[in-house]
Amino acid sequence: MWSPVTIPGKPSILVVDASRDLEGWEYQFMDRLFDSLKRSGLHLMTDKPLRIEETDELAPHLSAGFNCLLFFSHGEGEKVLPGARMKTHWEWLNHHGQFPPMLFAGCVCGTYDAAASHQILKSPQTFAPLALAPSSPLTPREAGLFLLKFFTELNLHSKESVSGKMVWFSSSKARELLRRRRYTGTFGVRC
């Protein structure tokens, strides 16, 4: 059901917004999600979401000591340039990033990209042995609720390390929250 992977340390999250605010709602969404994560007592690596346009802008932050990367970007879409897509960011991170294994939580709203999610969840060789990605189109509300519940549960139950079992458990709790509220969006998990 889950792998024996263990990532040392309590969850420390770098929140990255690579959306470029293309549709005009994305920055506000990530600011609200960031503030909710902060109010929940999670250890966030910055005072606000790290906003980037190109993935290589992450390079100075890769040695910051985080073990979870919450990455918001776009999937497919008419207005979405290839450089602004989750798939492009994932490929750069997977091939060029020099960091220890971590949990990657990909967030895409409105412009779902099944191919990018498949890569994130099924890549055999990856920097992120534990990962979350949308497995269906999501509204911002669905994504925000899921991720807030997921990271809150993960923080509660991961005192010394982040394990595959705790990622599975936390995603199950978040999935149940969405189900109880009658939301249909889903996240897939590699744990």
Protein backbone atom coordinates (compact mmCIF):
# COMPACT_ATOMS: atom_id res chain seq x y z
CA MET A 1 0.00 0.00 0.00
CA TRP A 2 2.81 2.46 0.83
CA SER A 3 6.56 2.45 0.39
CA PRO A 4 9.15 2.24 3.17
CA VAL A 5 10.41 5.74 2.22
CA THR A 6 11.09 8.03 5.16
CA ILE A 7 12.07 11.68 4.77
CA PRO A 8 13.81 13.04 7.89
CA GLY A 9 12.31 15.87 9.90
CA LYS A 10 8.91 17.28 10.74
CA PRO A 11 7.19 18.75 7.64
CA SER A 12 8.92 21.97 6.52
CA ILE A 13 7.13 23.40 3.50
CA LEU A 14 8.36 25.65 0.72
CA VAL A 15 5.27 27.10 -0.98
CA VAL A 16 5.94 28.03 -4.60
CA ASP A 17 3.51 29.89 -6.86
CA ALA A 18 4.50 29.56 -10.51
CA SER A 19 1.05 30.51 -11.83
CA ARG A 20 2.10 33.97 -13.10
CA ASP A 21 -1.43 35.07 -12.10
CA LEU A 22 -2.46 34.34 -15.69
CA GLU A 23 -6.19 34.43 -15.02
CA GLY A 24 -6.11 37.07 -12.28
CA TRP A 25 -7.22 34.91 -9.32
CA GLU A 26 -4.17 32.73 -8.71
CA TYR A 27 -2.06 35.03 -6.50
CA GLN A 28 -5.03 35.74 -4.25
CA PHE A 29 -5.79 32.01 -4.01
CA MET A 30 -2.23 31.15 -3.01
CA ASP A 31 -2.08 34.01 -0.51
CA ARG A 32 -5.23 32.66 1.19
CA LEU A 33 -3.93 29.09 1.18
CA PHE A 34 -0.56 30.22 2.55
CA ASP A 35 -2.25 32.20 5.34
CA SER A 36 -4.42 29.19 6.23
CA LEU A 37 -1.37 26.91 6.38
CA LYS A 38 0.40 29.44 8.59
CA ARG A 39 -2.60 29.77 10.96
CA SER A 40 -2.62 25.97 11.26
CA GLY A 41 0.86 26.10 12.78
CA LEU A 42 2.73 24.51 9.89
CA HIS A 43 6.43 25.27 9.45
CA LEU A 44 6.62 27.39 6.29
CA MET A 45 10.03 28.32 4.88
CA THR A 46 9.11 31.86 3.74
CA ASP A 47 6.86 34.71 4.93
CA LYS A 48 4.73 34.55 1.79
CA PRO A 49 4.45 32.27 -1.25
CA LEU A 50 7.61 32.25 -3.34
CA ARG A 51 6.52 33.57 -6.73
CA ILE A 52 8.50 32.50 -9.78
CA GLU A 53 8.04 32.61 -13.55
CA GLU A 54 10.76 30.14 -14.57
CA THR A 55 11.64 27.02 -12.62
CA ASP A 56 15.36 27.86 -12.49
CA GLU A 57 14.46 30.80 -10.22
CA LEU A 58 14.16 28.15 -7.50
CA ALA A 59 17.91 27.45 -7.59
CA PRO A 60 18.84 29.85 -4.73
CA HIS A 61 16.16 28.28 -2.53
CA LEU A 62 17.03 24.62 -3.04
CA SER A 63 19.35 24.48 -0.04
CA ALA A 64 16.81 26.04 2.34
CA GLY A 65 16.30 22.85 4.36
CA PHE A 66 12.68 22.08 3.44
CA ASN A 67 11.39 18.53 3.02
CA CYS A 68 8.02 19.34 1.42
CA LEU A 69 7.46 21.37 -1.74
CA LEU A 70 3.94 22.69 -2.37
CA PHE A 71 4.07 23.79 -6.00
CA PHE A 72 1.20 25.65 -7.71
CA SER A 73 1.16 26.03 -11.47
CA HIS A 74 -1.07 25.61 -14.51
CA GLY A 75 -1.76 22.50 -16.53
CA GLU A 76 -2.92 22.63 -20.13
CA GLY A 77 -4.81 25.61 -21.49
CA GLU A 78 -5.04 28.06 -24.37
CA LYS A 79 -3.49 30.94 -22.41
CA VAL A 80 -0.83 28.78 -20.75
CA LEU A 81 2.61 29.01 -22.31
CA PRO A 82 4.67 25.79 -22.18
CA GLY A 83 7.06 27.36 -19.64
CA ALA A 84 4.18 28.01 -17.23
CA ARG A 85 2.89 24.43 -17.17
CA MET A 86 3.24 21.99 -14.30
CA LYS A 87 4.75 19.43 -16.67
CA THR A 88 7.61 21.80 -17.59
CA HIS A 89 8.31 22.68 -13.96
CA TRP A 90 8.20 19.01 -12.90
CA GLU A 91 10.63 17.98 -15.62
CA TRP A 92 13.10 20.71 -14.63
CA LEU A 93 12.86 19.81 -10.94
CA ASN A 94 13.23 16.13 -11.70
CA HIS A 95 16.26 16.53 -13.95
CA HIS A 96 18.06 19.64 -12.74
CA GLY A 97 17.27 19.98 -9.06
CA GLN A 98 20.01 19.05 -6.62
CA PHE A 99 18.22 18.36 -3.37
CA PRO A 100 17.51 15.48 -1.02
CA PRO A 101 14.36 13.36 -1.38
CA MET A 102 11.19 15.19 -0.43
CA LEU A 103 7.41 15.25 -0.61
CA PHE A 104 6.13 17.07 -3.71
CA ALA A 105 2.55 18.36 -3.64
CA GLY A 106 1.50 19.59 -7.07
CA CYS A 107 -1.49 21.89 -7.23
CA VAL A 108 -3.25 22.67 -10.52
CA CYS A 109 -6.68 24.31 -10.63
CA GLY A 110 -8.91 24.84 -13.62
CA THR A 111 -6.42 23.64 -16.25
CA TYR A 112 -6.03 19.96 -15.36
CA ASP A 113 -3.23 18.07 -17.11
CA ALA A 114 -3.53 14.29 -16.81
CA ALA A 115 -0.11 13.72 -18.41
CA ALA A 116 1.66 15.94 -15.85
CA SER A 117 -0.12 14.25 -12.95
CA HIS A 118 0.80 10.85 -14.36
CA GLN A 119 4.47 11.86 -14.56
CA ILE A 120 4.44 13.16 -10.98
CA LEU A 121 2.76 10.08 -9.58
CA LYS A 122 4.39 7.37 -11.73
CA SER A 123 7.97 8.51 -12.56
CA PRO A 124 10.28 5.63 -11.67
CA GLN A 125 13.28 7.88 -10.95
CA THR A 126 12.46 11.10 -9.14
CA PHE A 127 13.67 13.56 -6.53
CA ALA A 128 10.27 13.21 -4.81
CA PRO A 129 9.60 9.62 -3.72
CA LEU A 130 6.44 10.87 -1.99
CA ALA A 131 4.06 12.95 -4.10
CA LEU A 132 0.54 14.31 -4.54
CA ALA A 133 -1.01 15.57 -7.74
CA PRO A 134 -4.54 16.19 -9.02
CA SER A 135 -6.18 13.10 -10.50
CA SER A 136 -9.15 15.09 -11.81
CA PRO A 137 -9.98 18.71 -12.54
CA LEU A 138 -10.16 20.74 -9.31
CA THR A 139 -11.72 24.00 -8.30
CA PRO A 140 -9.54 26.28 -6.17
CA ARG A 141 -11.85 25.57 -3.21
CA GLU A 142 -11.37 21.80 -3.56
CA ALA A 143 -7.60 22.08 -3.93
CA GLY A 144 -7.28 24.49 -1.00
CA LEU A 145 -9.37 22.35 1.36
CA PHE A 146 -7.56 19.17 0.39
CA LEU A 147 -4.07 20.61 0.78
CA LEU A 148 -4.85 22.37 4.06
CA LYS A 149 -6.30 19.18 5.56
CA PHE A 150 -3.49 17.05 4.13
CA PHE A 151 -0.65 19.17 5.52
CA THR A 152 -2.41 19.68 8.87
CA GLU A 153 -2.80 15.92 9.30
CA LEU A 154 0.75 15.26 8.10
CA ASN A 155 2.11 17.78 10.60
CA LEU A 156 0.08 16.25 13.44
CA HIS A 157 1.26 12.70 12.79
CA SER A 158 4.84 13.20 11.54
CA LYS A 159 6.87 14.19 14.56
CA GLU A 160 10.35 13.12 13.43
CA SER A 161 9.97 12.16 9.79
CA VAL A 162 7.57 12.09 6.85
CA SER A 163 6.76 8.52 5.89
CA GLY A 164 4.82 6.94 3.06
CA LYS A 165 2.33 5.61 5.60
CA MET A 166 1.67 9.11 6.97
CA VAL A 167 1.31 10.57 3.47
CA TRP A 168 -1.26 7.86 2.68
CA PHE A 169 -3.08 8.45 5.97
CA SER A 170 -3.12 12.25 5.58
CA SER A 171 -4.34 12.06 1.99
CA SER A 172 -7.11 9.66 3.09
CA LYS A 173 -8.27 12.15 5.72
CA ALA A 174 -8.21 15.00 3.18
CA ARG A 175 -10.06 12.89 0.59
CA GLU A 176 -12.74 12.10 3.19
CA LEU A 177 -13.19 15.80 3.97
CA LEU A 178 -13.87 16.53 0.30
CA ARG A 179 -16.26 13.59 0.06
CA ARG A 180 -18.23 14.73 3.14
CA ARG A 181 -18.58 18.20 1.63
CA ARG A 182 -19.75 16.64 -1.66
CA TYR A 183 -16.81 17.85 -3.73
CA THR A 184 -15.84 15.68 -6.67
CA GLY A 185 -12.20 16.74 -7.27
CA THR A 186 -9.51 14.25 -6.35
CA PHE A 187 -5.78 14.01 -5.74
CA GLY A 188 -3.64 11.01 -6.50
CA VAL A 189 -0.81 10.01 -4.21
CA ARG A 190 2.51 8.22 -4.54
CA CYS A 191 3.55 6.97 -1.17
